[in-house]
Amino acid sequence: MGTGQLRFSSLLSNCLAWSAIQILCVGTPSLENGSADIKQIEEVARNIGQAATGYHLIVSKSTVPVTTSVKLSGTLAIYGKPTGI
């Protein structure tokens, strides 16, 4: 971390400026029916889609269902800019 190659921030603008790789680490609590509540990770994907200005690799580090990456891809496609994410 002393070389500045690994950084952490809760500010999305910092994360997008510092790196083209975004690792999402958010809570995925259980719903009453036992399935994972992925609202938080979907919100982060929407925010990235709206704020990113170029290519970003999105990595999900959460306990999420297998199909979550497909959902996030759709969210990024809807909220992303035409320059692509």
Protein backbone atom coordinates (compact mmCIF):
# COMPACT_ATOMS: atom_id res chain seq x y z
CA MET A 1 0.00 0.00 0.00
CA GLY A 2 2.98 2.30 0.45
CA THR A 3 3.49 2.35 -3.31
CA GLY A 4 -0.10 3.43 -3.99
CA GLN A 5 -0.93 0.32 -5.98
CA LEU A 6 -3.70 -0.79 -3.64
CA ARG A 7 -6.31 1.75 -2.62
CA PHE A 8 -9.67 1.62 -0.89
CA SER A 9 -12.44 4.18 -0.93
CA SER A 10 -16.13 4.45 -0.26
CA LEU A 11 -16.30 7.26 -2.86
CA LEU A 12 -17.22 5.87 -6.26
CA SER A 13 -15.56 8.76 -8.09
CA ASN A 14 -12.20 7.88 -6.49
CA CYS A 15 -12.54 4.21 -7.35
CA LEU A 16 -13.38 4.88 -10.99
CA ALA A 17 -10.51 7.37 -11.35
CA TRP A 18 -7.90 5.13 -9.72
CA SER A 19 -8.54 1.87 -11.54
CA ALA A 20 -10.29 0.10 -14.40
CA ILE A 21 -10.98 -2.85 -12.07
CA GLN A 22 -13.74 -2.45 -9.50
CA ILE A 23 -14.24 -5.09 -6.80
CA LEU A 24 -17.73 -4.92 -5.31
CA CYS A 25 -17.89 -5.93 -1.64
CA VAL A 26 -21.38 -5.31 -0.35
CA GLY A 27 -23.82 -7.07 1.90
CA THR A 28 -26.18 -9.70 0.55
CA PRO A 29 -28.42 -10.51 3.50
CA SER A 30 -30.98 -13.28 3.30
CA LEU A 31 -34.57 -12.51 2.48
CA GLU A 32 -37.40 -14.12 4.44
CA ASN A 33 -37.59 -16.91 1.85
CA GLY A 34 -33.86 -17.67 2.25
CA SER A 35 -32.71 -16.21 -1.07
CA ALA A 36 -30.02 -13.52 -1.23
CA ASP A 37 -31.08 -9.87 -1.25
CA ILE A 38 -28.96 -8.40 -4.07
CA LYS A 39 -30.40 -4.86 -3.93
CA GLN A 40 -27.13 -3.38 -2.67
CA ILE A 41 -24.98 -4.90 -5.40
CA GLU A 42 -27.51 -3.86 -8.05
CA GLU A 43 -27.42 -0.29 -6.73
CA VAL A 44 -23.63 -0.19 -6.97
CA ALA A 45 -23.80 -1.51 -10.55
CA ARG A 46 -26.32 1.22 -11.46
CA ASN A 47 -24.07 3.87 -9.93
CA ILE A 48 -21.01 2.56 -11.78
CA GLY A 49 -22.96 2.47 -15.03
CA GLN A 50 -24.01 6.09 -14.59
CA ALA A 51 -20.59 7.39 -13.51
CA ALA A 52 -18.03 5.40 -15.51
CA THR A 53 -16.57 7.03 -18.60
CA GLY A 54 -14.70 4.07 -20.06
CA TYR A 55 -14.05 0.37 -19.73
CA HIS A 56 -14.18 -1.10 -16.22
CA LEU A 57 -13.88 -4.71 -15.13
CA ILE A 58 -16.48 -5.36 -12.42
CA VAL A 59 -15.72 -8.15 -9.94
CA SER A 60 -18.36 -9.27 -7.46
CA LYS A 61 -16.95 -10.36 -4.10
CA SER A 62 -20.19 -11.22 -2.38
CA THR A 63 -22.24 -14.26 -1.55
CA VAL A 64 -24.60 -13.95 -4.48
CA PRO A 65 -26.56 -16.41 -6.61
CA VAL A 66 -24.79 -17.75 -9.69
CA THR A 67 -26.96 -15.73 -12.09
CA THR A 68 -26.16 -12.38 -10.43
CA SER A 69 -23.43 -11.56 -12.95
CA VAL A 70 -25.99 -11.85 -15.76
CA LYS A 71 -28.31 -9.44 -13.92
CA LEU A 72 -25.47 -7.00 -13.28
CA SER A 73 -24.47 -7.14 -16.93
CA GLY A 74 -28.02 -6.12 -17.85
CA THR A 75 -28.01 -3.33 -15.26
CA LEU A 76 -24.71 -1.98 -16.60
CA ALA A 77 -26.04 -2.14 -20.17
CA ILE A 78 -29.12 -0.12 -19.17
CA TYR A 79 -27.36 2.52 -17.07
CA GLY A 80 -23.95 2.61 -18.80
CA LYS A 81 -22.82 5.25 -21.20
CA PRO A 82 -22.55 4.46 -24.92
CA THR A 83 -18.72 4.51 -24.67
CA GLY A 84 -19.06 1.13 -22.96
CA ILE A 85 -18.33 -0.56 -19.68
